[in-house]
C-alpha atoms as a PDB file:
ATOM      1  CA  UNK A   1    -155.626-106.725  81.720  1.00  0.00           C
ATOM      2  CA  UNK A   2    -151.864-106.786  81.305  1.00  0.00           C
ATOM      3  CA  UNK A   3    -150.780-104.284  78.691  1.00  0.00           C
ATOM      4  CA  UNK A   4    -147.947-101.760  78.343  1.00  0.00           C
ATOM      5  CA  UNK A   5    -149.045 -98.134  78.090  1.00  0.00           C
ATOM      6  CA  UNK A   6    -146.578 -97.606  75.273  1.00  0.00           C
ATOM      7  CA  UNK A   7    -148.261 -99.032  72.164  1.00  0.00           C
ATOM      8  CA  UNK A   8    -144.966 -99.516  70.358  1.00  0.00           C
ATOM      9  CA  UNK A   9    -143.542-101.419  73.316  1.00  0.00           C
ATOM     10  CA  UNK A  10    -146.675-103.556  73.579  1.00  0.00           C
ATOM     11  CA  UNK A  11    -146.508-104.424  69.888  1.00  0.00           C
ATOM     12  CA  UNK A  12    -142.820-105.258  70.148  1.00  0.00           C
ATOM     13  CA  UNK A  13    -143.498-107.427  73.203  1.00  0.00           C
ATOM     14  CA  UNK A  14    -146.332-109.278  71.483  1.00  0.00           C
ATOM     15  CA  UNK A  15    -144.261-109.969  68.380  1.00  0.00           C
ATOM     16  CA  UNK A  16    -141.424-111.326  70.539  1.00  0.00           C
ATOM     17  CA  UNK A  17    -143.928-113.420  72.512  1.00  0.00           C
ATOM     18  CA  UNK A  18    -145.621-114.811  69.384  1.00  0.00           C
ATOM     19  CA  UNK A  19    -143.050-117.434  68.499  1.00  0.00           C
ATOM     20  CA  UNK A  20    -144.668-120.089  66.225  1.00  0.00           C
ATOM     21  CA  UNK A  21    -142.482-122.808  67.708  1.00  0.00           C
ATOM     22  CA  UNK A  22    -144.124-122.264  71.106  1.00  0.00           C
ATOM     23  CA  UNK A  23    -147.449-123.460  69.674  1.00  0.00           C
ATOM     24  CA  UNK A  24    -146.227-126.927  68.720  1.00  0.00           C
ATOM     25  CA  UNK A  25    -146.204-128.650  72.111  1.00  0.00           C
ATOM     26  CA  UNK A  26    -149.458-127.079  73.432  1.00  0.00           C
ATOM     27  CA  UNK A  27    -151.296-127.964  70.221  1.00  0.00           C
ATOM     28  CA  UNK A  28    -150.140-131.576  70.330  1.00  0.00           C
ATOM     29  CA  UNK A  29    -150.986-132.041  74.014  1.00  0.00           C
ATOM     30  CA  UNK A  30    -154.381-130.382  73.687  1.00  0.00           C
ATOM     31  CA  UNK A  31    -155.578-132.302  70.625  1.00  0.00           C
ATOM     32  CA  UNK A  32    -154.243-135.650  71.842  1.00  0.00           C
ATOM     33  CA  UNK A  33    -156.057-135.251  75.176  1.00  0.00           C
ATOM     34  CA  UNK A  34    -159.447-134.187  73.826  1.00  0.00           C
ATOM     35  CA  UNK A  35    -159.398-136.721  70.977  1.00  0.00           C
ATOM     36  CA  UNK A  36    -158.486-139.576  73.333  1.00  0.00           C
ATOM     37  CA  UNK A  37    -161.327-138.587  75.657  1.00  0.00           C
ATOM     38  CA  UNK A  38    -163.767-138.255  72.737  1.00  0.00           C
ATOM     39  CA  UNK A  39    -162.728-141.628  71.273  1.00  0.00           C
ATOM     40  CA  UNK A  40    -163.142-143.370  74.604  1.00  0.00           C
ATOM     41  CA  UNK A  41    -166.525-141.696  75.028  1.00  0.00           C
ATOM     42  CA  UNK A  42    -167.908-142.618  71.597  1.00  0.00           C
ATOM     43  CA  UNK A  43    -166.830-146.264  71.783  1.00  0.00           C
ATOM     44  CA  UNK A  44    -168.413-146.802  75.202  1.00  0.00           C
ATOM     45  CA  UNK A  45    -172.019-147.978  74.896  1.00  0.00           C
ATOM     46  CA  UNK A  46    -174.647-148.383  77.598  1.00  0.00           C
ATOM     47  CA  UNK A  47    -175.720-152.036  77.975  1.00  0.00           C
ATOM     48  CA  UNK A  48    -178.046-151.459  80.910  1.00  0.00           C
ATOM     49  CA  UNK A  49    -177.858-151.666  84.685  1.00  0.00           C
ATOM     50  CA  UNK A  50    -175.218-148.962  84.674  1.00  0.00           C
ATOM     51  CA  UNK A  51    -172.802-151.121  82.678  1.00  0.00           C
ATOM     52  CA  UNK A  52    -170.905-150.093  79.527  1.00  0.00           C
ATOM     53  CA  UNK A  53    -168.999-151.974  76.861  1.00  0.00           C
ATOM     54  CA  UNK A  54    -166.567-150.901  74.148  1.00  0.00           C
ATOM     55  CA  UNK A  55    -167.930-151.101  70.618  1.00  0.00           C
ATOM     56  CA  UNK A  56    -166.011-149.631  67.680  1.00  0.00           C
ATOM     57  CA  UNK A  57    -168.799-150.353  65.195  1.00  0.00           C
ATOM     58  CA  UNK A  58    -171.049-147.588  66.529  1.00  0.00           C
ATOM     59  CA  UNK A  59    -170.706-143.824  66.192  1.00  0.00           C
ATOM     60  CA  UNK A  60    -168.357-144.162  63.228  1.00  0.00           C
ATOM     61  CA  UNK A  61    -169.624-140.893  61.745  1.00  0.00           C
ATOM     62  CA  UNK A  62    -168.825-138.928  64.877  1.00  0.00           C
ATOM     63  CA  UNK A  63    -165.383-140.518  65.161  1.00  0.00           C
ATOM     64  CA  UNK A  64    -164.743-139.804  61.489  1.00  0.00           C
ATOM     65  CA  UNK A  65    -165.707-136.145  61.953  1.00  0.00           C
ATOM     66  CA  UNK A  66    -163.397-135.965  64.980  1.00  0.00           C
ATOM     67  CA  UNK A  67    -160.542-137.251  62.825  1.00  0.00           C
ATOM     68  CA  UNK A  68    -161.409-134.546  60.294  1.00  0.00           C
ATOM     69  CA  UNK A  69    -161.103-131.922  63.050  1.00  0.00           C
ATOM     70  CA  UNK A  70    -157.545-133.113  63.626  1.00  0.00           C
ATOM     71  CA  UNK A  71    -156.639-131.711  60.223  1.00  0.00           C
ATOM     72  CA  UNK A  72    -156.735-128.212  61.762  1.00  0.00           C
ATOM     73  CA  UNK A  73    -153.844-128.768  64.220  1.00  0.00           C
ATOM     74  CA  UNK A  74    -151.813-130.647  61.604  1.00  0.00           C
ATOM     75  CA  UNK A  75    -152.131-127.710  59.224  1.00  0.00           C
ATOM     76  CA  UNK A  76    -151.122-125.338  62.034  1.00  0.00           C
ATOM     77  CA  UNK A  77    -148.121-127.496  62.935  1.00  0.00           C
ATOM     78  CA  UNK A  78    -147.042-127.456  59.306  1.00  0.00           C
ATOM     79  CA  UNK A  79    -147.233-123.665  59.258  1.00  0.00           C
ATOM     80  CA  UNK A  80    -145.217-123.502  62.503  1.00  0.00           C
ATOM     81  CA  UNK A  81    -142.399-125.536  61.000  1.00  0.00           C
ATOM     82  CA  UNK A  82    -142.398-123.806  57.614  1.00  0.00           C
ATOM     83  CA  UNK A  83    -139.922-120.937  57.547  1.00  0.00           C
ATOM     84  CA  UNK A  84    -141.848-119.006  54.902  1.00  0.00           C
ATOM     85  CA  UNK A  85    -145.013-118.932  56.994  1.00  0.00           C
ATOM     86  CA  UNK A  86    -143.376-117.652  60.210  1.00  0.00           C
ATOM     87  CA  UNK A  87    -144.285-114.014  59.556  1.00  0.00           C
ATOM     88  CA  UNK A  88    -147.872-114.984  58.716  1.00  0.00           C
ATOM     89  CA  UNK A  89    -148.139-117.077  61.888  1.00  0.00           C
ATOM     90  CA  UNK A  90    -146.734-114.269  64.053  1.00  0.00           C
ATOM     91  CA  UNK A  91    -149.397-111.867  62.821  1.00  0.00           C
ATOM     92  CA  UNK A  92    -152.200-114.387  63.417  1.00  0.00           C
ATOM     93  CA  UNK A  93    -150.662-116.194  66.380  1.00  0.00           C
ATOM     94  CA  UNK A  94    -153.494-115.748  68.877  1.00  0.00           C
ATOM     95  CA  UNK A  95    -156.157-116.192  66.217  1.00  0.00           C
ATOM     96  CA  UNK A  96    -154.744-119.627  65.373  1.00  0.00           C
ATOM     97  CA  UNK A  97    -154.434-120.495  69.048  1.00  0.00           C
ATOM     98  CA  UNK A  98    -158.024-119.575  69.949  1.00  0.00           C
ATOM     99  CA  UNK A  99    -159.569-121.002  66.767  1.00  0.00           C
ATOM    100  CA  UNK A 100    -158.145-124.431  67.628  1.00  0.00           C
ATOM    101  CA  UNK A 101    -159.942-124.283  70.971  1.00  0.00           C
ATOM    102  CA  UNK A 102    -163.261-122.997  69.603  1.00  0.00           C
ATOM    103  CA  UNK A 103    -163.415-125.596  66.811  1.00  0.00           C
ATOM    104  CA  UNK A 104    -163.088-128.381  69.376  1.00  0.00           C
ATOM    105  CA  UNK A 105    -165.705-126.864  71.685  1.00  0.00           C
ATOM    106  CA  UNK A 106    -168.227-126.352  68.871  1.00  0.00           C
ATOM    107  CA  UNK A 107    -167.625-129.841  67.499  1.00  0.00           C
ATOM    108  CA  UNK A 108    -167.995-131.614  70.860  1.00  0.00           C
ATOM    109  CA  UNK A 109    -171.083-129.583  71.779  1.00  0.00           C
ATOM    110  CA  UNK A 110    -172.703-130.117  68.392  1.00  0.00           C
ATOM    111  CA  UNK A 111    -171.983-133.856  68.467  1.00  0.00           C
ATOM    112  CA  UNK A 112    -173.543-134.134  71.927  1.00  0.00           C
ATOM    113  CA  UNK A 113    -176.737-132.461  70.764  1.00  0.00           C
ATOM    114  CA  UNK A 114    -176.817-134.569  67.604  1.00  0.00           C
ATOM    115  CA  UNK A 115    -176.428-137.793  69.599  1.00  0.00           C
ATOM    116  CA  UNK A 116    -179.053-136.741  72.072  1.00  0.00           C
ATOM    117  CA  UNK A 117    -181.586-136.349  69.270  1.00  0.00           C
ATOM    118  CA  UNK A 118    -180.579-139.200  66.970  1.00  0.00           C
ATOM    119  CA  UNK A 119    -179.496-142.121  69.172  1.00  0.00           C
ATOM    120  CA  UNK A 120    -182.093-144.667  70.362  1.00  0.00           C
ATOM    121  CA  UNK A 121    -183.545-144.260  73.823  1.00  0.00           C
ATOM    122  CA  UNK A 122    -181.796-147.421  74.970  1.00  0.00           C
ATOM    123  CA  UNK A 123    -178.468-145.597  74.753  1.00  0.00           C
ATOM    124  CA  UNK A 124    -179.664-142.512  76.607  1.00  0.00           C
ATOM    125  CA  UNK A 125    -180.234-142.072  80.320  1.00  0.00           C
ATOM    126  CA  UNK A 126    -184.004-141.885  80.908  1.00  0.00           C
ATOM    127  CA  UNK A 127    -183.738-139.467  83.824  1.00  0.00           C
ATOM    128  CA  UNK A 128    -181.033-136.859  83.456  1.00  0.00           C
ATOM    129  CA  UNK A 129    -179.299-135.705  80.303  1.00  0.00           C
ATOM    130  CA  UNK A 130    -175.887-135.260  81.916  1.00  0.00           C
ATOM    131  CA  UNK A 131    -175.620-138.635  83.653  1.00  0.00           C
ATOM    132  CA  UNK A 132    -174.438-140.867  80.805  1.00  0.00           C
ATOM    133  CA  UNK A 133    -172.588-140.630  77.481  1.00  0.00           C
ATOM    134  CA  UNK A 134    -173.934-139.046  74.303  1.00  0.00           C
ATOM    135  CA  UNK A 135    -175.389-135.882  75.768  1.00  0.00           C
ATOM    136  CA  UNK A 136    -174.653-132.164  75.469  1.00  0.00           C
ATOM    137  CA  UNK A 137    -173.370-131.807  79.040  1.00  0.00           C
ATOM    138  CA  UNK A 138    -172.002-135.289  79.741  1.00  0.00           C
ATOM    139  CA  UNK A 139    -168.696-136.163  81.368  1.00  0.00           C
ATOM    140  CA  UNK A 140    -166.865-136.106  78.054  1.00  0.00           C
ATOM    141  CA  UNK A 141    -168.043-132.560  77.292  1.00  0.00           C
ATOM    142  CA  UNK A 142    -167.036-131.448  80.788  1.00  0.00           C
ATOM    143  CA  UNK A 143    -163.592-133.030  80.408  1.00  0.00           C
ATOM    144  CA  UNK A 144    -163.095-131.460  76.978  1.00  0.00           C
ATOM    145  CA  UNK A 145    -164.112-128.044  78.314  1.00  0.00           C
ATOM    146  CA  UNK A 146    -161.645-128.252  81.176  1.00  0.00           C
ATOM    147  CA  UNK A 147    -158.874-129.497  78.858  1.00  0.00           C
ATOM    148  CA  UNK A 148    -159.601-126.543  76.552  1.00  0.00           C
ATOM    149  CA  UNK A 149    -159.440-124.068  79.447  1.00  0.00           C
ATOM    150  CA  UNK A 150    -156.115-125.564  80.533  1.00  0.00           C
ATOM    151  CA  UNK A 151    -154.826-125.264  76.967  1.00  0.00           C
ATOM    152  CA  UNK A 152    -155.760-121.581  76.765  1.00  0.00           C
ATOM    153  CA  UNK A 153    -154.634-120.605  80.256  1.00  0.00           C
ATOM    154  CA  UNK A 154    -151.733-122.912  81.119  1.00  0.00           C
ATOM    155  CA  UNK A 155    -150.126-124.753  78.221  1.00  0.00           C
ATOM    156  CA  UNK A 156    -150.166-122.075  75.562  1.00  0.00           C
ATOM    157  CA  UNK A 157    -148.254-118.809  75.250  1.00  0.00           C
ATOM    158  CA  UNK A 158    -151.534-116.896  75.057  1.00  0.00           C
ATOM    159  CA  UNK A 159    -151.438-113.338  76.420  1.00  0.00           C
ATOM    160  CA  UNK A 160    -153.844-112.457  79.232  1.00  0.00           C
ATOM    161  CA  UNK A 161    -155.649-109.849  77.148  1.00  0.00           C
ATOM    162  CA  UNK A 162    -156.715-112.636  74.773  1.00  0.00           C
ATOM    163  CA  UNK A 163    -157.310-115.244  77.479  1.00  0.00           C
ATOM    164  CA  UNK A 164    -160.218-113.418  79.111  1.00  0.00           C
ATOM    165  CA  UNK A 165    -162.511-113.228  76.041  1.00  0.00           C
ATOM    166  CA  UNK A 166    -161.483-116.776  75.037  1.00  0.00           C
ATOM    167  CA  UNK A 167    -162.508-118.087  78.479  1.00  0.00           C
ATOM    168  CA  UNK A 168    -165.847-116.295  78.276  1.00  0.00           C
ATOM    169  CA  UNK A 169    -166.626-117.776  74.843  1.00  0.00           C
ATOM    170  CA  UNK A 170    -165.614-121.317  75.916  1.00  0.00           C
ATOM    171  CA  UNK A 171    -167.849-121.203  79.008  1.00  0.00           C
ATOM    172  CA  UNK A 172    -170.679-119.682  76.955  1.00  0.00           C
ATOM    173  CA  UNK A 173    -170.514-122.517  74.379  1.00  0.00           C
ATOM    174  CA  UNK A 174    -170.485-125.107  77.160  1.00  0.00           C
ATOM    175  CA  UNK A 175    -173.399-123.504  79.029  1.00  0.00           C
ATOM    176  CA  UNK A 176    -175.453-122.963  75.884  1.00  0.00           C
ATOM    177  CA  UNK A 177    -175.014-126.619  74.914  1.00  0.00           C
ATOM    178  CA  UNK A 178    -176.248-127.674  78.340  1.00  0.00           C
ATOM    179  CA  UNK A 179    -179.295-125.397  78.168  1.00  0.00           C
ATOM    180  CA  UNK A 180    -180.242-126.650  74.713  1.00  0.00           C
ATOM    181  CA  UNK A 181    -179.696-130.242  75.817  1.00  0.00           C
ATOM    182  CA  UNK A 182    -182.024-129.830  78.758  1.00  0.00           C
ATOM    183  CA  UNK A 183    -184.629-128.065  76.632  1.00  0.00           C
ATOM    184  CA  UNK A 184    -184.609-130.935  74.159  1.00  0.00           C
ATOM    185  CA  UNK A 185    -185.590-133.350  76.926  1.00  0.00           C
ATOM    186  CA  UNK A 186    -189.040-131.711  76.988  1.00  0.00           C
ATOM    187  CA  UNK A 187    -189.546-132.486  80.639  1.00  0.00           C
ATOM    188  CA  UNK A 188    -188.510-131.017  83.973  1.00  0.00           C
ATOM    189  CA  UNK A 189    -185.725-132.852  85.772  1.00  0.00           C
ATOM    190  CA  UNK A 190    -183.251-131.975  88.472  1.00  0.00           C
ATOM    191  CA  UNK A 191    -180.617-131.753  85.757  1.00  0.00           C
ATOM    192  CA  UNK A 192    -180.692-127.942  85.866  1.00  0.00           C
ATOM    193  CA  UNK A 193    -179.444-127.913  89.457  1.00  0.00           C
ATOM    194  CA  UNK A 194    -176.479-130.150  88.689  1.00  0.00           C
ATOM    195  CA  UNK A 195    -175.934-128.294  85.408  1.00  0.00           C
ATOM    196  CA  UNK A 196    -175.594-125.000  87.261  1.00  0.00           C
ATOM    197  CA  UNK A 197    -173.195-126.664  89.708  1.00  0.00           C
ATOM    198  CA  UNK A 198    -171.042-127.986  86.842  1.00  0.00           C
ATOM    199  CA  UNK A 199    -170.994-124.591  85.098  1.00  0.00           C
ATOM    200  CA  UNK A 200    -169.976-122.873  88.345  1.00  0.00           C
ATOM    201  CA  UNK A 201    -167.165-125.397  88.809  1.00  0.00           C
ATOM    202  CA  UNK A 202    -166.078-124.713  85.233  1.00  0.00           C
ATOM    203  CA  UNK A 203    -165.969-120.962  85.909  1.00  0.00           C
ATOM    204  CA  UNK A 204    -163.899-121.539  89.064  1.00  0.00           C
ATOM    205  CA  UNK A 205    -161.554-123.812  87.104  1.00  0.00           C
ATOM    206  CA  UNK A 206    -161.223-121.166  84.377  1.00  0.00           C
ATOM    207  CA  UNK A 207    -160.438-118.459  86.930  1.00  0.00           C
ATOM    208  CA  UNK A 208    -157.881-120.653  88.703  1.00  0.00           C
ATOM    209  CA  UNK A 209    -155.962-121.575  85.563  1.00  0.00           C
ATOM    210  CA  UNK A 210    -156.208-117.999  84.266  1.00  0.00           C
ATOM    211  CA  UNK A 211    -154.636-116.649  87.457  1.00  0.00           C
ATOM    212  CA  UNK A 212    -151.627-118.977  87.021  1.00  0.00           C
ATOM    213  CA  UNK A 213    -150.964-117.724  83.508  1.00  0.00           C
ATOM    214  CA  UNK A 214    -151.728-114.143  84.539  1.00  0.00           C
ATOM    215  CA  UNK A 215    -149.117-113.973  87.306  1.00  0.00           C
ATOM    216  CA  UNK A 216    -146.556-115.739  85.142  1.00  0.00           C
ATOM    217  CA  UNK A 217    -147.022-113.176  82.378  1.00  0.00           C
ATOM    218  CA  UNK A 218    -146.903-110.314  84.888  1.00  0.00           C
ATOM    219  CA  UNK A 219    -143.501-111.473  86.148  1.00  0.00           C
ATOM    220  CA  UNK A 220    -142.234-111.713  82.578  1.00  0.00           C
ATOM    221  CA  UNK A 221    -143.484-108.213  81.768  1.00  0.00           C
ATOM    222  CA  UNK A 222    -141.907-106.786  84.938  1.00  0.00           C
ATOM    223  CA  UNK A 223    -138.611-108.445  84.028  1.00  0.00           C
ATOM    224  CA  UNK A 224    -138.845-106.864  80.577  1.00  0.00           C
ATOM    225  CA  UNK A 225    -139.475-103.435  82.114  1.00  0.00           C
ATOM    226  CA  UNK A 226    -136.431-103.876  84.352  1.00  0.00           C
ATOM    227  CA  UNK A 227    -134.256-104.849  81.382  1.00  0.00           C
ATOM    228  CA  UNK A 228    -135.487-101.852  79.391  1.00  0.00           C
ATOM    229  CA  UNK A 229    -134.800 -99.517  82.302  1.00  0.00           C
ATOM    230  CA  UNK A 230    -131.354-101.027  82.707  1.00  0.00           C
ATOM    231  CA  UNK A 231    -130.661-100.595  78.998  1.00  0.00           C
ATOM    232  CA  UNK A 232    -131.801 -96.949  79.032  1.00  0.00           C
ATOM    233  CA  UNK A 233    -129.665 -96.212  82.091  1.00  0.00           C
ATOM    234  CA  UNK A 234    -126.686 -97.753  80.354  1.00  0.00           C
ATOM    235  CA  UNK A 235    -127.305 -95.621  77.273  1.00  0.00           C
ATOM    236  CA  UNK A 236    -127.457 -92.456  79.395  1.00  0.00           C
ATOM    237  CA  UNK A 237    -124.156 -93.322  81.068  1.00  0.00           C
ATOM    238  CA  UNK A 238    -122.532 -94.168  77.724  1.00  0.00           C
ATOM    239  CA  UNK A 239    -123.639 -90.821  76.274  1.00  0.00           C
ATOM    240  CA  UNK A 240    -122.118 -89.037  79.266  1.00  0.00           C
ATOM    241  CA  UNK A 241    -118.837 -90.903  78.902  1.00  0.00           C
ATOM    242  CA  UNK A 242    -118.712 -90.047  75.204  1.00  0.00           C
ATOM    243  CA  UNK A 243    -118.778 -86.375  76.188  1.00  0.00           C
ATOM    244  CA  UNK A 244    -116.132 -86.765  78.895  1.00  0.00           C
ATOM    245  CA  UNK A 245    -113.583 -89.016  77.228  1.00  0.00           C
ATOM    246  CA  UNK A 246    -111.340 -87.886  74.351  1.00  0.00           C
ATOM    247  CA  UNK A 247    -112.806 -88.674  70.970  1.00  0.00           C
ATOM    248  CA  UNK A 248    -109.687 -90.519  69.854  1.00  0.00           C
ATOM    249  CA  UNK A 249    -110.135 -93.033  72.700  1.00  0.00           C
ATOM    250  CA  UNK A 250    -113.685 -93.803  71.571  1.00  0.00           C
ATOM    251  CA  UNK A 251    -112.702 -94.797  68.063  1.00  0.00           C
ATOM    252  CA  UNK A 252    -113.222 -98.480  67.323  1.00  0.00           C
ATOM    253  CA  UNK A 253    -109.810 -98.816  65.698  1.00  0.00           C
ATOM    254  CA  UNK A 254    -107.978 -97.257  68.648  1.00  0.00           C
ATOM    255  CA  UNK A 255    -106.179 -99.850  70.751  1.00  0.00           C
ATOM    256  CA  UNK A 256    -105.679 -98.888  74.372  1.00  0.00           C
ATOM    257  CA  UNK A 257    -102.646-100.089  76.264  1.00  0.00           C
ATOM    258  CA  UNK A 258    -102.949-100.898  79.925  1.00  0.00           C
ATOM    259  CA  UNK A 259    -101.834 -98.851  81.720  1.00  0.00           C
ATOM    260  CA  UNK A 260    -102.313 -95.823  79.450  1.00  0.00           C
ATOM    261  CA  UNK A 261     -99.554 -93.333  80.321  1.00  0.00           C
ATOM    262  CA  UNK A 262     -99.483 -89.879  78.727  1.00  0.00           C
ATOM    263  CA  UNK A 263     -97.670 -86.711  79.844  1.00  0.00           C
ATOM    264  CA  UNK A 264     -99.361 -83.306  80.144  1.00  0.00           C
ATOM    265  CA  UNK A 265     -97.219 -80.470  81.543  1.00  0.00           C
ATOM    266  CA  UNK A 266     -99.880 -77.780  81.947  1.00  0.00           C
ATOM    267  CA  UNK A 267    -102.891 -79.574  83.377  1.00  0.00           C
ATOM    268  CA  UNK A 268    -103.887 -81.744  86.286  1.00  0.00           C
ATOM    269  CA  UNK A 269    -104.528 -85.310  85.369  1.00  0.00           C
ATOM    270  CA  UNK A 270    -107.623 -87.226  86.490  1.00  0.00           C
ATOM    271  CA  UNK A 271    -107.337 -90.996  86.254  1.00  0.00           C
ATOM    272  CA  UNK A 272    -110.644 -92.921  86.246  1.00  0.00           C
ATOM    273  CA  UNK A 273    -111.318 -96.434  85.042  1.00  0.00           C
ATOM    274  CA  UNK A 274    -114.697 -96.829  83.346  1.00  0.00           C
ATOM    275  CA  UNK A 275    -115.756-100.398  82.806  1.00  0.00           C
ATOM    276  CA  UNK A 276    -118.984-101.270  80.973  1.00  0.00           C
ATOM    277  CA  UNK A 277    -120.002-103.918  83.469  1.00  0.00           C
ATOM    278  CA  UNK A 278    -119.188-101.653  86.384  1.00  0.00           C
ATOM    279  CA  UNK A 279    -121.167 -98.793  84.891  1.00  0.00           C
ATOM    280  CA  UNK A 280    -124.217-100.993  84.340  1.00  0.00           C
ATOM    281  CA  UNK A 281    -124.473-101.586  88.075  1.00  0.00           C
ATOM    282  CA  UNK A 282    -125.205 -97.912  88.781  1.00  0.00           C
ATOM    283  CA  UNK A 283    -128.340 -95.875  88.454  1.00  0.00           C
ATOM    284  CA  UNK A 284    -127.633 -92.743  86.348  1.00  0.00           C
ATOM    285  CA  UNK A 285    -128.245 -90.436  89.349  1.00  0.00           C
ATOM    286  CA  UNK A 286    -125.799 -92.398  91.489  1.00  0.00           C
ATOM    287  CA  UNK A 287    -123.272 -92.381  88.660  1.00  0.00           C
ATOM    288  CA  UNK A 288    -123.510 -88.582  88.393  1.00  0.00           C
ATOM    289  CA  UNK A 289    -122.915 -88.267  92.143  1.00  0.00           C
ATOM    290  CA  UNK A 290    -119.759 -90.360  91.837  1.00  0.00           C
ATOM    291  CA  UNK A 291    -118.494 -88.169  88.993  1.00  0.00           C
ATOM    292  CA  UNK A 292    -119.212 -85.001  90.986  1.00  0.00           C
ATOM    293  CA  UNK A 293    -117.263 -86.468  93.879  1.00  0.00           C
ATOM    294  CA  UNK A 294    -114.304 -87.227  91.596  1.00  0.00           C
ATOM    295  CA  UNK A 295    -114.345 -83.692  90.170  1.00  0.00           C
ATOM    296  CA  UNK A 296    -114.581 -82.229  93.660  1.00  0.00           C
ATOM    297  CA  UNK A 297    -111.334 -83.949  94.602  1.00  0.00           C
ATOM    298  CA  UNK A 298    -109.532 -82.051  91.823  1.00  0.00           C
END
């Protein structure tokens, strides 16, 4: 897992990463996608012969509960936009992010099992539990699971060290729902074979999306390491220059004239131009070599 060895640096990095405003767009996209899929799924009824029709008068309880679930992202969005809650959101950034995903997964899985037990047989596929709507491992549940994995791994600013356990829990909820759904059928079908195939595809999808976010975060962390190294090198060079240059020239209220001409009768004069941007280009070791070369000339 990606993590800095320096605990202080890791904490500083995580706090900089955990910007509440970054949650707004992923939350909106995620909840709009899963709710649209769920709504389409619950208003599509089986009329026989493999045909479906849209009926908004059925499954009103499930749709109402889904609307209730939308209160969670709206509360989170309100906290993201409220200045007073920024510190609270930073401390619980990944908790809020993952909880949004788990609530959706538990709700969709629970609704599928509820429908499978409560709906009349005419609305359920008589052969395989995954082949039509209103089941624990139907197409809607698969789509929601994949949308949730994309939300955790791609759309959100979730760190890799939190993504791995989140992916495991999401796949576990999905798989457990499928196992319970098949057990509730109380008969042996070839659903288990397809179920295993779907779960394997879900794992592959999770790994693929995780790798995208993983490499992106690794590049960001490497860039941060480079900037920190550059900053430390600059500080070393600045400390050296503070020892070499006259103290009066380092005072903030001292205005240098260009060129600076001063007369010294008893000493040799070394003229060197130190520019901040020029100094930043050098590694401290290389900078010391240049200084030794200058001193050697005199």
